[in-house]
Protein backbone atom coordinates (compact mmCIF):
# COMPACT_ATOMS: atom_id res chain seq x y z
CA MET A 1 66.94 122.74 112.50
CA GLU A 2 67.55 120.49 115.61
CA LYS A 3 65.47 117.78 115.18
CA ASN A 4 65.81 117.60 111.33
CA LYS A 5 69.22 116.37 111.56
CA ASN A 6 68.45 113.74 114.59
CA LEU A 7 65.63 112.64 112.16
CA ASN A 8 68.56 111.88 109.76
CA ALA A 9 71.09 110.80 112.33
CA VAL A 10 71.87 107.38 111.83
CA THR A 11 72.17 105.16 114.78
CA LYS A 12 73.60 102.51 115.79
CA GLU A 13 70.63 100.19 115.38
CA ASP A 14 70.08 101.77 112.02
CA LEU A 15 73.82 100.43 111.04
CA TRP A 16 73.09 96.91 113.22
CA TYR A 17 70.71 96.47 109.73
CA ILE A 18 72.71 96.64 107.02
CA ASP A 19 75.04 94.20 108.57
CA ASN A 20 72.09 91.96 109.63
CA TYR A 21 70.98 91.89 106.67
CA ILE A 22 74.58 91.07 104.29
CA LEU A 23 74.31 87.63 107.45
CA LEU A 24 71.10 87.12 106.23
CA ARG A 25 71.42 86.60 102.61
CA ASP A 26 75.02 83.97 103.26
CA TYR A 27 73.47 82.55 105.97
CA TYR A 28 70.26 81.79 103.55
CA ASP A 29 72.53 80.81 100.49
CA ARG A 30 74.45 79.03 103.35
CA THR A 31 71.42 76.83 104.58
CA VAL A 32 68.94 76.52 101.34
CA SER A 33 72.81 74.64 99.82
CA ARG A 34 72.47 72.83 103.60
CA ILE A 35 69.28 71.73 103.50
CA ALA A 36 69.48 71.21 99.29
CA ALA A 37 72.05 68.37 101.08
CA ARG A 38 70.35 66.69 103.76
CA CYS A 39 67.19 65.99 100.87
CA ILE A 40 69.46 64.25 98.82
CA ARG A 41 71.17 62.23 101.65
CA LEU A 42 66.78 61.25 102.84
CA GLY A 43 66.56 59.65 99.75
CA ASN A 44 66.22 62.95 96.75
CA ILE A 45 63.16 64.12 98.13
CA ALA A 46 62.22 67.76 97.55
CA LEU A 47 63.10 70.51 99.66
CA GLU A 48 59.85 70.94 100.13
CA GLU A 49 59.01 67.78 102.14
CA TYR A 50 61.71 68.14 104.07
CA PRO A 51 59.87 68.67 107.41
CA PHE A 52 61.65 71.89 108.76
CA TYR A 53 61.45 73.50 105.48
CA PRO A 54 59.57 76.23 106.73
CA TYR A 55 62.46 77.50 108.67
CA ILE A 56 63.10 78.92 105.27
CA ILE A 57 60.68 81.02 104.95
CA ASP A 58 61.14 82.19 108.33
CA VAL A 59 64.38 83.93 107.03
CA LEU A 60 63.27 84.62 104.24
CA GLU A 61 60.82 86.10 105.84
CA GLU A 62 63.48 88.06 107.76
CA ILE A 63 66.06 89.13 104.76
CA CYS A 64 62.76 90.55 103.44
CA ASP A 65 61.93 92.67 107.03
CA THR A 66 65.39 93.47 107.69
CA GLY A 67 65.68 94.90 103.45
CA ASP A 68 62.60 96.88 104.17
CA TYR A 69 63.53 98.48 107.45
CA ILE A 70 66.94 99.28 105.26
CA LEU A 71 65.26 100.71 102.23
CA GLU A 72 62.49 103.22 104.19
CA ARG A 73 65.88 105.16 105.58
CA PRO A 74 67.24 107.18 102.89
CA GLN A 75 69.81 108.65 105.57
CA LEU A 76 71.62 105.01 105.28
CA TYR A 77 72.07 104.59 101.85
CA PRO A 78 75.28 106.03 101.88
CA TYR A 79 76.71 103.00 104.16
CA VAL A 80 74.72 100.42 101.46
CA GLU A 81 76.99 101.83 99.26
CA LYS A 82 79.72 101.14 101.08
CA LYS A 83 78.50 98.06 102.34
CA ILE A 84 76.87 96.07 99.97
CA ALA A 85 78.47 95.39 96.22
CA GLY A 86 76.50 97.51 93.81
CA GLY A 87 74.70 100.22 96.17
CA VAL A 88 71.53 100.34 96.95
CA LYS A 89 70.18 99.46 93.12
CA ALA A 90 71.24 95.92 94.14
CA LEU A 91 69.81 96.44 97.56
CA GLU A 92 66.16 96.84 95.62
CA GLN A 93 66.94 93.43 93.24
CA ASN A 94 68.08 91.42 95.00
CA LEU A 95 65.46 92.10 97.58
CA ALA A 96 62.76 91.49 94.90
CA LEU A 97 63.49 88.53 94.30
CA TYR A 98 63.64 87.35 98.17
CA LYS A 99 60.40 88.76 98.06
CA GLN A 100 59.74 87.02 95.38
CA GLU A 101 60.76 83.04 96.18
CA LEU A 102 59.28 84.19 99.58
CA GLU A 103 55.62 84.60 98.24
CA ASN A 104 56.11 81.60 95.58
CA ASN A 105 56.76 79.04 99.07
CA SER A 106 54.46 80.14 101.10
CA SER A 107 54.89 76.91 104.24
CA PRO A 108 52.53 74.36 104.04
CA GLU A 109 50.91 75.05 107.16
CA MET A 110 50.17 78.33 105.87
CA ILE A 111 48.26 76.98 103.47
CA LYS A 112 46.79 74.79 106.67
CA GLN A 113 45.84 77.64 108.44
CA ASP A 114 43.47 79.63 105.17
CA PRO A 115 40.40 76.74 104.44
CA SER A 116 39.88 78.47 101.03
CA GLU A 117 43.46 78.44 100.04
CA LEU A 118 43.82 74.50 101.25
CA ASN A 119 39.98 74.32 98.46
CA LYS A 120 41.94 76.10 95.82
CA MET A 121 45.09 73.87 96.63
CA LYS A 122 42.39 70.17 96.44
CA GLU A 123 40.78 72.25 93.07
CA ALA A 124 44.32 72.40 91.37
CA LEU A 125 45.39 69.07 92.42
CA GLY A 126 42.41 67.46 90.89
CA GLU A 127 41.04 66.58 94.55
CA ILE A 128 37.44 67.43 94.23
CA ASP A 129 34.14 65.61 93.39
CA LYS A 130 34.39 63.77 89.85
CA SER A 131 30.70 62.78 89.58
CA VAL A 132 29.89 66.26 88.38
CA ASP A 133 32.68 67.09 86.53
CA PRO A 134 32.63 66.55 82.61
CA THR A 135 36.56 66.39 82.78
CA VAL A 136 37.36 62.54 84.72
CA GLY A 137 39.58 61.02 81.53
CA ALA A 138 41.33 63.94 82.28
CA GLY A 139 45.38 62.70 83.32
CA MET A 140 44.90 59.27 82.36
CA ASN A 141 47.86 57.35 81.03
CA ILE A 142 48.05 56.99 77.53
CA ASP A 143 46.84 52.95 78.09
CA ASP A 144 44.07 53.79 80.02
CA LEU A 145 43.01 56.59 77.49
CA MET A 146 43.23 53.68 74.77
CA ASP A 147 41.23 51.19 76.77
CA LYS A 148 38.80 53.90 77.47
CA LEU A 149 38.35 54.87 73.63
CA LEU A 150 38.34 51.36 72.97
CA GLN A 151 35.30 49.88 75.47
CA GLU A 152 33.15 53.40 74.39
CA ASN A 153 34.06 51.83 70.59
CA LYS A 154 33.67 48.59 71.55
CA PRO A 155 29.76 48.93 70.81
CA LYS A 156 29.64 50.98 68.47
CA GLU A 157 31.64 48.68 66.51
CA ILE A 158 29.25 45.43 67.46
CA GLU A 159 26.50 47.39 66.55
CA SER A 160 27.36 49.01 62.92
CA LYS A 161 28.49 44.72 62.34
CA THR A 162 25.30 43.64 63.49
CA GLU A 163 23.20 46.13 61.01
CA SER A 164 25.55 45.32 57.72
CA LYS A 165 25.01 41.92 58.57
CA GLU A 166 20.88 42.48 58.67
């Protein structure tokens, strides 16, 4: 029975994780806002183009790790109910959103480290060998497409006119 009490005991380290989670969430929101403002001042660049964008991913990873630590310890739930608005349910929902955000925004360095991932990105962006691609004309602007169609149809029109004169 003594061992069960020790397993369910809440330590200072456990409580630190709850406080850290709350602080990290606030810090993440403020960091994203600050970097978004900086991106505007740098010529309205995309957040992902900001040179220190991977730092946001690092903060997201720490939020997720901290949230997982808390959820894995039911003995912390009474403290979560007191410290986090909406309690454990809100923690689970917010953590799911943070994990989705993390999954959707892997850093360019992560992609660079995985060659197969880099090839997938190149294919998705159209950076593949076009000589064997039957959809070579895809992605043209309307003027280029019309010029191409006119050039392709031009010999047919000339042949048709020549045949009708004979």
